[in-house]
Each structure stands twice: as structure tokens, then as C-alpha cells.
Amino acid sequence: MIRRPLSVIKLKQTDIEQISITIPSEGNQQPADDRILESACGGGHAEDGGTARGDVCQLCRFERQLGLPHLPEMVFPHNSLLIVAKRKLDDECRTLIEFNAFDALKCVDKEHLPDVKVGPSEVWQSARRDLSLRHDSVHAFDWTFTSDYQGTVGIDIKVEKAGENERIDYERLKRRDPIEFYEQITLYEDELADNGCAQMTVRIRVMHDTFFVLCRFYLRIDNVMVCDTRLYGTAENKAFALRESTRREANYADLSKEAVAVLLDPNQISSHLPLEHVKRTKLLYN
């Protein structure tokens, strides 16, 4: 199997910190099974340490360790975004935060059905019974794969509640500063038996003195939901990065004509949905 190269970019920081962002690049010459979770076991279970070459079957890892009755139609196990904070004082590198499909799916409810209309639910369960080859029945779980994943914070990173004046500077992000690096990846996606769409994506852009990450879960079924986690760091702030998590949601019947017109675009529909929840924290570098 061809291994995809890693694209590494560095944000020019102050004397204390330097941020490195590592992300798998999407090469056109890469085999499909290096991007999407395989549909059959490739040998080497997670429990027994893998094959003689040390490889672990990603399908077995996701199915057994996550414990979900079903996985999304498309899972990208090799897609991840990793941000590493490097302290120049002692030259120590530590993971600040990572975004990956496995941890995102950990946040899916494994025991309860989603709160959606009966029609789509029955259609989905019927479709899954026809397609499933590995399960005897469809157990209750959130088959919309709704996840409020906010990223996987490094074990040495402290998380604190952000102060009232500690906010992401959206006006600064609106400036037309040259973008030194931009990338978007998909963690998982499912069409919900043609009843809608569930999708988790991550994108990042880096300017000369700031970086901005958006991890977004978009759900369209009998309602519309957008769960966003934004991460923001600046060169002059050598103490922490700001993280803001929000949930916006509305039923179809409550959508305006303007909202319906952009319903299929997660980037545009978000601004038309009422804010239901917001949480602001800061990730301390030191």
C-alpha cells in the first residue's frame, strides 16, 4: 500500500511557541482503500496486535472498539489534522489537538434512536437490514451519526473556560490576508438511506500570523443541524488557542425561504439557523 506523504506547515509564532500542523495530503494517485474504510476485513485484528507486518485492520478496529451497530457509508480512517505546540524554552513538542474519524464517531450515541420522524427511521432501518451482512438485527443507536466532537485534546494540554473578553476575532479573519496554507478533509459521511445527509468535515487555513480550524458536523434529515467547533490562534498570543463550539438547529417547517434555498450547502445554511448552544474554552500551550 502506498503511504500518503504528510504536508507540514509551520506558523511563525513568538519566542515561546511554534505551531506545526500536519495533515495527510490527498494525492490523486493514491489507491481508494487508502482513503475510505475497507468493506471487508484485511486481516490483523486490533486486539491481537495486527498482522506479522504490524498492520491492523481498520474495519475491525472501528467496528469492535467503537461498538456501533453500523458505521457510516464512507469513513476516512487515514484523514486527520494534528496540531503540535512546540515550546522553544525546552524544545519539547506536544500535541495540542487532533481531529480524526475514530474519535469523532466515539461521540455518537450507541444506545438511543435519534429524535426524528418515524418515516425516515423506518426506511433507514429497512435499508440497513437489506444491506447488513455482519449483524443479525438493527439495534437502537443514533443512525444519523450525530456527533458533538470538539477535537481530541493532547494529554498534557490544560483546558479552561474562556473569559468574557476572550473571543475569536472574526473581524480579523475577514481580512484579505494572504493564505499560506488551506486544506479540507472529510472524516465520515452517510446519505442516511437517501433520507438526507450526515457529514463531518475539518478545514484549516493559515495566514502569516493566525490559524483557524473549523470542524463541522452537518445533518439534514427531518430537521437541519450544524455543530461547529472553531479553533483560533494568533502569533501574538503565546499562552493559548481559543476554541468555540456551537450547535445550530431548526425544523424544516421553521426555515425561511432564504434558508431553504441554501439548504444543501452546509457553509451557507449555518447562518440561517438559530443558535441553540455555545461553549467557549481555551487550550493552554504551557
C-alpha atoms as a PDB file:
ATOM      1  CA  MET A   1       0.000   0.000   0.000  1.00  0.00           C
ATOM      2  CA  ILE A   2       1.306   3.443  -0.912  1.00  0.00           C
ATOM      3  CA  ARG A   3       1.636   5.743   2.049  1.00  0.00           C
ATOM      4  CA  ARG A   4       0.488   9.292   1.505  1.00  0.00           C
ATOM      5  CA  PRO A   5       3.073  11.959   2.271  1.00  0.00           C
ATOM      6  CA  LEU A   6       2.479  14.392   5.086  1.00  0.00           C
ATOM      7  CA  SER A   7       2.189  18.097   4.428  1.00  0.00           C
ATOM      8  CA  VAL A   8       3.766  20.010   7.309  1.00  0.00           C
ATOM      9  CA  ILE A   9       3.393  23.754   7.672  1.00  0.00           C
ATOM     10  CA  LYS A  10       4.647  25.985  10.445  1.00  0.00           C
ATOM     11  CA  LEU A  11       3.038  29.115  11.793  1.00  0.00           C
ATOM     12  CA  LYS A  12       5.535  31.826  12.719  1.00  0.00           C
ATOM     13  CA  GLN A  13       4.950  32.259  16.424  1.00  0.00           C
ATOM     14  CA  THR A  14       6.559  34.210  19.224  1.00  0.00           C
ATOM     15  CA  ASP A  15       9.650  33.289  21.239  1.00  0.00           C
ATOM     16  CA  ILE A  16       7.642  30.812  23.314  1.00  0.00           C
ATOM     17  CA  GLU A  17       5.669  28.758  20.857  1.00  0.00           C
ATOM     18  CA  GLN A  18       5.631  27.423  17.359  1.00  0.00           C
ATOM     19  CA  ILE A  19       2.635  25.653  15.848  1.00  0.00           C
ATOM     20  CA  SER A  20       3.118  22.833  13.373  1.00  0.00           C
ATOM     21  CA  ILE A  21       0.112  21.461  11.534  1.00  0.00           C
ATOM     22  CA  THR A  22       0.359  18.022   9.971  1.00  0.00           C
ATOM     23  CA  ILE A  23      -2.324  16.754   7.638  1.00  0.00           C
ATOM     24  CA  PRO A  24      -2.425  13.812   5.208  1.00  0.00           C
ATOM     25  CA  SER A  25      -2.440  15.152   1.653  1.00  0.00           C
ATOM     26  CA  GLU A  26      -4.991  13.888  -0.873  1.00  0.00           C
ATOM     27  CA  GLY A  27      -2.881  12.639  -3.770  1.00  0.00           C
ATOM     28  CA  ASN A  28      -4.745  11.741  -6.953  1.00  0.00           C
ATOM     29  CA  GLN A  29      -2.577   8.654  -7.438  1.00  0.00           C
ATOM     30  CA  GLN A  30      -3.479   7.109  -4.103  1.00  0.00           C
ATOM     31  CA  PRO A  31      -5.462   3.839  -4.059  1.00  0.00           C
ATOM     32  CA  ALA A  32      -9.084   4.149  -2.934  1.00  0.00           C
ATOM     33  CA  ASP A  33      -8.612   1.806   0.025  1.00  0.00           C
ATOM     34  CA  ASP A  34      -6.023   4.186   1.427  1.00  0.00           C
ATOM     35  CA  ARG A  35      -8.735   6.821   1.799  1.00  0.00           C
ATOM     36  CA  ILE A  36     -12.025   5.043   2.546  1.00  0.00           C
ATOM     37  CA  LEU A  37     -12.516   2.393   5.212  1.00  0.00           C
ATOM     38  CA  GLU A  38     -12.355  -1.048   3.632  1.00  0.00           C
ATOM     39  CA  SER A  39     -15.588  -3.042   3.413  1.00  0.00           C
ATOM     40  CA  ALA A  40     -14.010  -6.392   4.309  1.00  0.00           C
ATOM     41  CA  CYS A  41     -11.514  -7.440   6.943  1.00  0.00           C
ATOM     42  CA  GLY A  42      -7.940  -7.181   5.727  1.00  0.00           C
ATOM     43  CA  GLY A  43      -6.539  -9.395   8.478  1.00  0.00           C
ATOM     44  CA  GLY A  44      -4.825  -8.361  11.665  1.00  0.00           C
ATOM     45  CA  HIS A  45      -7.295  -7.591  14.443  1.00  0.00           C
ATOM     46  CA  ALA A  46      -6.784  -4.669  16.790  1.00  0.00           C
ATOM     47  CA  GLU A  47      -6.947  -6.985  19.805  1.00  0.00           C
ATOM     48  CA  ASP A  48      -4.111  -9.285  18.717  1.00  0.00           C
ATOM     49  CA  GLY A  49      -1.712  -6.611  17.540  1.00  0.00           C
ATOM     50  CA  GLY A  50      -2.325  -6.936  13.805  1.00  0.00           C
ATOM     51  CA  THR A  51      -0.546  -8.951  11.153  1.00  0.00           C
ATOM     52  CA  ALA A  52       3.048 -10.080  11.105  1.00  0.00           C
ATOM     53  CA  ARG A  53       3.887  -6.786   9.393  1.00  0.00           C
ATOM     54  CA  GLY A  54       2.271  -4.880  12.238  1.00  0.00           C
ATOM     55  CA  ASP A  55      -0.758  -3.792  10.182  1.00  0.00           C
ATOM     56  CA  VAL A  56      -4.125  -3.566  11.919  1.00  0.00           C
ATOM     57  CA  CYS A  57      -7.397  -3.997  10.030  1.00  0.00           C
ATOM     58  CA  GLN A  58      -9.052  -0.599  10.291  1.00  0.00           C
ATOM     59  CA  LEU A  59     -12.509  -2.089   9.731  1.00  0.00           C
ATOM     60  CA  CYS A  60     -12.096  -4.418  12.713  1.00  0.00           C
ATOM     61  CA  ARG A  61     -10.713  -1.582  14.804  1.00  0.00           C
ATOM     62  CA  PHE A  62     -13.669   0.697  14.059  1.00  0.00           C
ATOM     63  CA  GLU A  63     -16.340  -1.990  14.431  1.00  0.00           C
ATOM     64  CA  ARG A  64     -15.033  -3.634  17.589  1.00  0.00           C
ATOM     65  CA  GLN A  65     -13.698  -0.667  19.516  1.00  0.00           C
ATOM     66  CA  LEU A  66     -16.479   1.785  18.669  1.00  0.00           C
ATOM     67  CA  GLY A  67     -19.268  -0.728  19.277  1.00  0.00           C
ATOM     68  CA  LEU A  68     -21.668   0.895  16.799  1.00  0.00           C
ATOM     69  CA  PRO A  69     -24.154  -1.493  15.139  1.00  0.00           C
ATOM     70  CA  HIS A  70     -23.325   0.186  11.831  1.00  0.00           C
ATOM     71  CA  LEU A  71     -20.712   2.578  10.543  1.00  0.00           C
ATOM     72  CA  PRO A  72     -21.316   5.472   8.139  1.00  0.00           C
ATOM     73  CA  GLU A  73     -21.268   4.597   4.442  1.00  0.00           C
ATOM     74  CA  MET A  74     -17.991   6.425   3.996  1.00  0.00           C
ATOM     75  CA  VAL A  75     -15.368   6.609   6.724  1.00  0.00           C
ATOM     76  CA  PHE A  76     -11.917   8.075   6.121  1.00  0.00           C
ATOM     77  CA  PRO A  77      -9.726   6.445   8.782  1.00  0.00           C
ATOM     78  CA  HIS A  78      -6.475   7.929   7.490  1.00  0.00           C
ATOM     79  CA  ASN A  79      -7.698  11.522   7.364  1.00  0.00           C
ATOM     80  CA  SER A  80      -6.645  13.551  10.378  1.00  0.00           C
ATOM     81  CA  LEU A  81      -5.482  17.001  11.302  1.00  0.00           C
ATOM     82  CA  LEU A  82      -2.867  17.242  14.030  1.00  0.00           C
ATOM     83  CA  ILE A  83      -1.691  20.479  15.628  1.00  0.00           C
ATOM     84  CA  VAL A  84       1.510  20.298  17.642  1.00  0.00           C
ATOM     85  CA  ALA A  85       2.720  23.018  20.005  1.00  0.00           C
ATOM     86  CA  LYS A  86       6.493  23.331  20.358  1.00  0.00           C
ATOM     87  CA  ARG A  87       7.974  25.132  23.343  1.00  0.00           C
ATOM     88  CA  LYS A  88      11.217  26.809  22.348  1.00  0.00           C
ATOM     89  CA  LEU A  89      12.209  27.018  26.005  1.00  0.00           C
ATOM     90  CA  ASP A  90      12.845  23.270  26.238  1.00  0.00           C
ATOM     91  CA  ASP A  91      12.319  22.284  22.567  1.00  0.00           C
ATOM     92  CA  GLU A  92       9.526  19.939  23.636  1.00  0.00           C
ATOM     93  CA  CYS A  93       6.765  19.083  21.150  1.00  0.00           C
ATOM     94  CA  ARG A  94       3.309  18.248  22.456  1.00  0.00           C
ATOM     95  CA  THR A  95       0.022  17.506  20.741  1.00  0.00           C
ATOM     96  CA  LEU A  96      -2.308  20.455  21.176  1.00  0.00           C
ATOM     97  CA  ILE A  97      -5.322  18.917  19.445  1.00  0.00           C
ATOM     98  CA  GLU A  98      -6.168  16.348  16.783  1.00  0.00           C
ATOM     99  CA  PHE A  99      -9.231  15.755  14.623  1.00  0.00           C
ATOM    100  CA  ASN A 100      -9.868  12.205  13.337  1.00  0.00           C
ATOM    101  CA  ALA A 101     -12.785   9.968  12.325  1.00  0.00           C
ATOM    102  CA  PHE A 102     -12.365   7.352  15.046  1.00  0.00           C
ATOM    103  CA  ASP A 103     -12.641   9.817  17.926  1.00  0.00           C
ATOM    104  CA  ALA A 104     -15.442  11.714  16.157  1.00  0.00           C
ATOM    105  CA  LEU A 105     -17.537   8.536  15.975  1.00  0.00           C
ATOM    106  CA  LYS A 106     -16.910   7.868  19.660  1.00  0.00           C
ATOM    107  CA  CYS A 107     -19.338  10.720  20.353  1.00  0.00           C
ATOM    108  CA  VAL A 108     -22.239   9.007  18.549  1.00  0.00           C
ATOM    109  CA  ASP A 109     -24.964   7.690  20.873  1.00  0.00           C
ATOM    110  CA  LYS A 110     -24.768   3.878  20.817  1.00  0.00           C
ATOM    111  CA  GLU A 111     -27.939   3.212  22.829  1.00  0.00           C
ATOM    112  CA  HIS A 112     -30.736   5.535  21.708  1.00  0.00           C
ATOM    113  CA  LEU A 113     -32.522   6.245  18.443  1.00  0.00           C
ATOM    114  CA  PRO A 114     -32.383   9.807  17.113  1.00  0.00           C
ATOM    115  CA  ASP A 115     -35.298  12.157  17.636  1.00  0.00           C
ATOM    116  CA  VAL A 116     -36.550  12.178  14.041  1.00  0.00           C
ATOM    117  CA  LYS A 117     -39.832  11.359  12.339  1.00  0.00           C
ATOM    118  CA  VAL A 118     -40.916   7.713  12.189  1.00  0.00           C
ATOM    119  CA  GLY A 119     -40.947   7.600   8.373  1.00  0.00           C
ATOM    120  CA  PRO A 120     -37.228   8.194   7.745  1.00  0.00           C
ATOM    121  CA  SER A 121     -36.339   5.995  10.695  1.00  0.00           C
ATOM    122  CA  GLU A 122     -38.281   3.010   9.338  1.00  0.00           C
ATOM    123  CA  VAL A 123     -36.897   3.474   5.829  1.00  0.00           C
ATOM    124  CA  TRP A 124     -33.357   3.626   7.176  1.00  0.00           C
ATOM    125  CA  GLN A 125     -33.750   0.514   9.315  1.00  0.00           C
ATOM    126  CA  SER A 126     -35.285  -1.414   6.410  1.00  0.00           C
ATOM    127  CA  ALA A 127     -32.431  -0.407   4.112  1.00  0.00           C
ATOM    128  CA  ARG A 128     -29.843  -1.359   6.695  1.00  0.00           C
ATOM    129  CA  ARG A 129     -31.415  -4.793   7.192  1.00  0.00           C
ATOM    130  CA  ASP A 130     -31.110  -5.439   3.460  1.00  0.00           C
ATOM    131  CA  LEU A 131     -27.513  -4.265   3.285  1.00  0.00           C
ATOM    132  CA  SER A 132     -26.135  -5.682   6.514  1.00  0.00           C
ATOM    133  CA  LEU A 133     -24.056  -8.823   6.217  1.00  0.00           C
ATOM    134  CA  ARG A 134     -22.381  -8.690   9.598  1.00  0.00           C
ATOM    135  CA  HIS A 135     -25.258  -8.042  12.004  1.00  0.00           C
ATOM    136  CA  ASP A 136     -28.317 -10.097  12.819  1.00  0.00           C
ATOM    137  CA  SER A 137     -30.509  -7.127  13.708  1.00  0.00           C
ATOM    138  CA  VAL A 138     -30.588  -3.379  13.862  1.00  0.00           C
ATOM    139  CA  HIS A 139     -30.056  -2.224  17.427  1.00  0.00           C
ATOM    140  CA  ALA A 140     -31.143   1.121  18.798  1.00  0.00           C
ATOM    141  CA  PHE A 141     -28.495   3.765  18.204  1.00  0.00           C
ATOM    142  CA  ASP A 142     -28.247   7.197  16.635  1.00  0.00           C
ATOM    143  CA  TRP A 143     -28.214   6.185  12.970  1.00  0.00           C
ATOM    144  CA  THR A 144     -27.823   9.842  11.956  1.00  0.00           C
ATOM    145  CA  PHE A 145     -24.290   9.608  13.399  1.00  0.00           C
ATOM    146  CA  THR A 146     -24.750  12.941  15.158  1.00  0.00           C
ATOM    147  CA  SER A 147     -21.532  13.892  16.935  1.00  0.00           C
ATOM    148  CA  ASP A 148     -20.632  16.928  19.010  1.00  0.00           C
ATOM    149  CA  TYR A 149     -16.936  16.125  18.556  1.00  0.00           C
ATOM    150  CA  GLN A 150     -14.747  19.054  19.587  1.00  0.00           C
ATOM    151  CA  GLY A 151     -11.376  17.538  18.754  1.00  0.00           C
ATOM    152  CA  THR A 152      -9.073  15.287  20.760  1.00  0.00           C
ATOM    153  CA  VAL A 153      -7.024  17.441  23.118  1.00  0.00           C
ATOM    154  CA  GLY A 154      -3.448  16.390  23.935  1.00  0.00           C
ATOM    155  CA  ILE A 155      -2.983  14.694  27.307  1.00  0.00           C
ATOM    156  CA  ASP A 156      -0.631  17.429  28.556  1.00  0.00           C
ATOM    157  CA  ILE A 157      -2.827  20.329  27.442  1.00  0.00           C
ATOM    158  CA  LYS A 158      -4.942  22.145  30.010  1.00  0.00           C
ATOM    159  CA  VAL A 159      -8.418  23.308  29.038  1.00  0.00           C
ATOM    160  CA  GLU A 160     -10.021  26.267  30.801  1.00  0.00           C
ATOM    161  CA  LYS A 161     -13.213  28.237  30.383  1.00  0.00           C
ATOM    162  CA  ALA A 162     -12.630  31.307  28.246  1.00  0.00           C
ATOM    163  CA  GLY A 163     -13.153  34.708  29.831  1.00  0.00           C
ATOM    164  CA  GLU A 164     -15.865  37.115  28.748  1.00  0.00           C
ATOM    165  CA  ASN A 165     -13.389  39.128  26.683  1.00  0.00           C
ATOM    166  CA  GLU A 166     -11.624  36.113  25.193  1.00  0.00           C
ATOM    167  CA  ARG A 167     -13.334  35.606  21.859  1.00  0.00           C
ATOM    168  CA  ILE A 168     -12.380  34.606  18.338  1.00  0.00           C
ATOM    169  CA  ASP A 169     -11.627  37.747  16.345  1.00  0.00           C
ATOM    170  CA  TYR A 170     -13.920  37.194  13.374  1.00  0.00           C
ATOM    171  CA  GLU A 171     -13.277  40.679  12.024  1.00  0.00           C
ATOM    172  CA  ARG A 172      -9.590  39.835  11.795  1.00  0.00           C
ATOM    173  CA  LEU A 173     -10.426  36.604   9.998  1.00  0.00           C
ATOM    174  CA  LYS A 174     -12.431  38.589   7.435  1.00  0.00           C
ATOM    175  CA  ARG A 175      -9.313  40.471   6.356  1.00  0.00           C
ATOM    176  CA  ARG A 176      -7.876  39.564   2.975  1.00  0.00           C
ATOM    177  CA  ASP A 177      -4.547  38.410   4.370  1.00  0.00           C
ATOM    178  CA  PRO A 178      -2.613  36.040   2.093  1.00  0.00           C
ATOM    179  CA  ILE A 179      -3.437  32.406   2.885  1.00  0.00           C
ATOM    180  CA  GLU A 180      -0.252  30.394   3.252  1.00  0.00           C
ATOM    181  CA  PHE A 181      -1.986  27.044   3.672  1.00  0.00           C
ATOM    182  CA  TYR A 182      -5.514  25.724   3.210  1.00  0.00           C
ATOM    183  CA  GLU A 183      -6.919  22.208   3.336  1.00  0.00           C
ATOM    184  CA  GLN A 184     -10.245  20.450   3.897  1.00  0.00           C
ATOM    185  CA  ILE A 185     -10.780  16.795   4.745  1.00  0.00           C
ATOM    186  CA  THR A 186     -13.824  14.613   5.342  1.00  0.00           C
ATOM    187  CA  LEU A 187     -13.881  12.339   8.382  1.00  0.00           C
ATOM    188  CA  TYR A 188     -17.113  10.488   7.582  1.00  0.00           C
ATOM    189  CA  GLU A 189     -20.290  10.803   5.534  1.00  0.00           C
ATOM    190  CA  ASP A 190     -23.614   8.987   5.147  1.00  0.00           C
ATOM    191  CA  GLU A 191     -26.678   9.646   2.969  1.00  0.00           C
ATOM    192  CA  LEU A 192     -28.997   8.087   5.578  1.00  0.00           C
ATOM    193  CA  ALA A 193     -30.669   5.689   3.132  1.00  0.00           C
ATOM    194  CA  ASP A 194     -31.403   8.595   0.761  1.00  0.00           C
ATOM    195  CA  ASN A 195     -33.280  10.441   3.511  1.00  0.00           C
ATOM    196  CA  GLY A 196     -30.717  13.198   3.945  1.00  0.00           C
ATOM    197  CA  CYS A 197     -27.078  13.651   4.773  1.00  0.00           C
ATOM    198  CA  ALA A 198     -24.734  13.377   7.735  1.00  0.00           C
ATOM    199  CA  GLN A 199     -21.207  14.662   7.254  1.00  0.00           C
ATOM    200  CA  MET A 200     -18.204  15.505   9.431  1.00  0.00           C
ATOM    201  CA  THR A 201     -15.514  17.669   7.866  1.00  0.00           C
ATOM    202  CA  VAL A 202     -12.471  19.596   9.043  1.00  0.00           C
ATOM    203  CA  ARG A 203     -10.819  22.518   7.310  1.00  0.00           C
ATOM    204  CA  ILE A 204      -7.910  24.752   8.182  1.00  0.00           C
ATOM    205  CA  ARG A 205      -6.401  27.949   6.864  1.00  0.00           C
ATOM    206  CA  VAL A 206      -3.168  29.535   7.963  1.00  0.00           C
ATOM    207  CA  MET A 207      -2.111  33.141   7.466  1.00  0.00           C
ATOM    208  CA  HIS A 208       1.253  34.649   8.408  1.00  0.00           C
ATOM    209  CA  ASP A 209       0.123  35.470  11.954  1.00  0.00           C
ATOM    210  CA  THR A 210      -3.049  33.431  12.578  1.00  0.00           C
ATOM    211  CA  PHE A 211      -4.519  29.976  12.076  1.00  0.00           C
ATOM    212  CA  PHE A 212      -8.165  28.957  12.023  1.00  0.00           C
ATOM    213  CA  VAL A 213      -9.724  25.485  12.153  1.00  0.00           C
ATOM    214  CA  LEU A 214     -13.373  24.591  11.591  1.00  0.00           C
ATOM    215  CA  CYS A 215     -14.627  21.104  12.454  1.00  0.00           C
ATOM    216  CA  ARG A 216     -18.236  20.832  11.259  1.00  0.00           C
ATOM    217  CA  PHE A 217     -20.933  18.191  11.606  1.00  0.00           C
ATOM    218  CA  TYR A 218     -23.810  18.793   9.188  1.00  0.00           C
ATOM    219  CA  LEU A 219     -27.083  16.874   9.463  1.00  0.00           C
ATOM    220  CA  ARG A 220     -30.052  17.133   7.111  1.00  0.00           C
ATOM    221  CA  ILE A 221     -32.949  14.771   7.794  1.00  0.00           C
ATOM    222  CA  ASP A 222     -36.374  15.989   9.005  1.00  0.00           C
ATOM    223  CA  ASN A 223     -34.540  18.868  10.599  1.00  0.00           C
ATOM    224  CA  VAL A 224     -31.266  20.642   9.946  1.00  0.00           C
ATOM    225  CA  MET A 225     -28.398  20.700  12.442  1.00  0.00           C
ATOM    226  CA  VAL A 226     -24.921  22.170  12.253  1.00  0.00           C
ATOM    227  CA  CYS A 227     -22.431  21.520  15.059  1.00  0.00           C
ATOM    228  CA  ASP A 228     -19.270  23.596  14.716  1.00  0.00           C
ATOM    229  CA  THR A 229     -16.014  23.642  16.624  1.00  0.00           C
ATOM    230  CA  ARG A 230     -13.690  26.518  15.789  1.00  0.00           C
ATOM    231  CA  LEU A 231     -10.077  26.786  16.874  1.00  0.00           C
ATOM    232  CA  TYR A 232      -8.215  30.081  16.614  1.00  0.00           C
ATOM    233  CA  GLY A 233      -4.640  31.042  17.382  1.00  0.00           C
ATOM    234  CA  THR A 234      -2.542  34.154  16.806  1.00  0.00           C
ATOM    235  CA  ALA A 235       1.169  34.890  16.753  1.00  0.00           C
ATOM    236  CA  GLU A 236       0.945  37.494  19.490  1.00  0.00           C
ATOM    237  CA  ASN A 237      -0.928  35.205  21.879  1.00  0.00           C
ATOM    238  CA  LYS A 238       1.780  32.921  23.242  1.00  0.00           C
ATOM    239  CA  ALA A 239      -0.360  31.429  26.024  1.00  0.00           C
ATOM    240  CA  PHE A 240      -3.351  29.678  24.470  1.00  0.00           C
ATOM    241  CA  ALA A 241      -5.608  28.980  21.489  1.00  0.00           C
ATOM    242  CA  LEU A 242      -9.328  29.729  21.638  1.00  0.00           C
ATOM    243  CA  ARG A 243     -11.924  27.041  20.983  1.00  0.00           C
ATOM    244  CA  GLU A 244     -15.598  27.777  20.354  1.00  0.00           C
ATOM    245  CA  SER A 245     -18.218  25.025  19.978  1.00  0.00           C
ATOM    246  CA  THR A 246     -21.750  25.784  18.785  1.00  0.00           C
ATOM    247  CA  ARG A 247     -24.907  23.948  17.792  1.00  0.00           C
ATOM    248  CA  ARG A 248     -27.495  25.429  15.436  1.00  0.00           C
ATOM    249  CA  GLU A 249     -30.720  23.623  14.623  1.00  0.00           C
ATOM    250  CA  ALA A 250     -34.170  24.113  13.104  1.00  0.00           C
ATOM    251  CA  ASN A 251     -37.049  22.051  11.723  1.00  0.00           C
ATOM    252  CA  TYR A 252     -37.849  22.225   8.030  1.00  0.00           C
ATOM    253  CA  ALA A 253     -41.188  23.891   8.725  1.00  0.00           C
ATOM    254  CA  ASP A 254     -39.459  26.745  10.522  1.00  0.00           C
ATOM    255  CA  LEU A 255     -36.948  27.549   7.781  1.00  0.00           C
ATOM    256  CA  SER A 256     -37.219  30.784   5.853  1.00  0.00           C
ATOM    257  CA  LYS A 257     -37.300  30.848   2.049  1.00  0.00           C
ATOM    258  CA  GLU A 258     -33.715  32.073   2.086  1.00  0.00           C
ATOM    259  CA  ALA A 259     -32.689  29.133   4.264  1.00  0.00           C
ATOM    260  CA  VAL A 260     -34.466  26.575   2.069  1.00  0.00           C
ATOM    261  CA  ALA A 261     -32.645  27.958  -0.965  1.00  0.00           C
ATOM    262  CA  VAL A 262     -29.252  27.117   0.580  1.00  0.00           C
ATOM    263  CA  LEU A 263     -30.329  24.002   2.470  1.00  0.00           C
ATOM    264  CA  LEU A 264     -27.873  21.725   0.664  1.00  0.00           C
ATOM    265  CA  ASP A 265     -24.893  23.962   1.383  1.00  0.00           C
ATOM    266  CA  PRO A 266     -23.552  23.462   4.944  1.00  0.00           C
ATOM    267  CA  ASN A 267     -21.477  26.637   4.673  1.00  0.00           C
ATOM    268  CA  GLN A 268     -24.472  28.846   3.905  1.00  0.00           C
ATOM    269  CA  ILE A 269     -27.279  27.189   5.858  1.00  0.00           C
ATOM    270  CA  SER A 270     -25.428  27.591   9.146  1.00  0.00           C
ATOM    271  CA  SER A 271     -26.004  31.341   9.294  1.00  0.00           C
ATOM    272  CA  HIS A 272     -29.770  30.824   8.822  1.00  0.00           C
ATOM    273  CA  LEU A 273     -30.185  28.506  11.816  1.00  0.00           C
ATOM    274  CA  PRO A 274     -30.851  29.710  15.376  1.00  0.00           C
ATOM    275  CA  LEU A 275     -28.070  29.250  17.901  1.00  0.00           C
ATOM    276  CA  GLU A 276     -29.037  26.574  20.439  1.00  0.00           C
ATOM    277  CA  HIS A 277     -25.779  26.112  22.339  1.00  0.00           C
ATOM    278  CA  VAL A 278     -22.353  27.709  22.625  1.00  0.00           C
ATOM    279  CA  LYS A 279     -19.296  26.810  24.698  1.00  0.00           C
ATOM    280  CA  ARG A 280     -16.004  28.699  24.713  1.00  0.00           C
ATOM    281  CA  THR A 281     -12.759  27.334  26.108  1.00  0.00           C
ATOM    282  CA  LYS A 282      -9.056  27.964  25.736  1.00  0.00           C
ATOM    283  CA  LEU A 283      -6.306  25.412  25.214  1.00  0.00           C
ATOM    284  CA  LEU A 284      -3.184  26.389  27.134  1.00  0.00           C
ATOM    285  CA  TYR A 285       0.129  25.848  25.359  1.00  0.00           C
ATOM    286  CA  ASN A 286       2.219  25.804  28.553  1.00  0.00           C
END
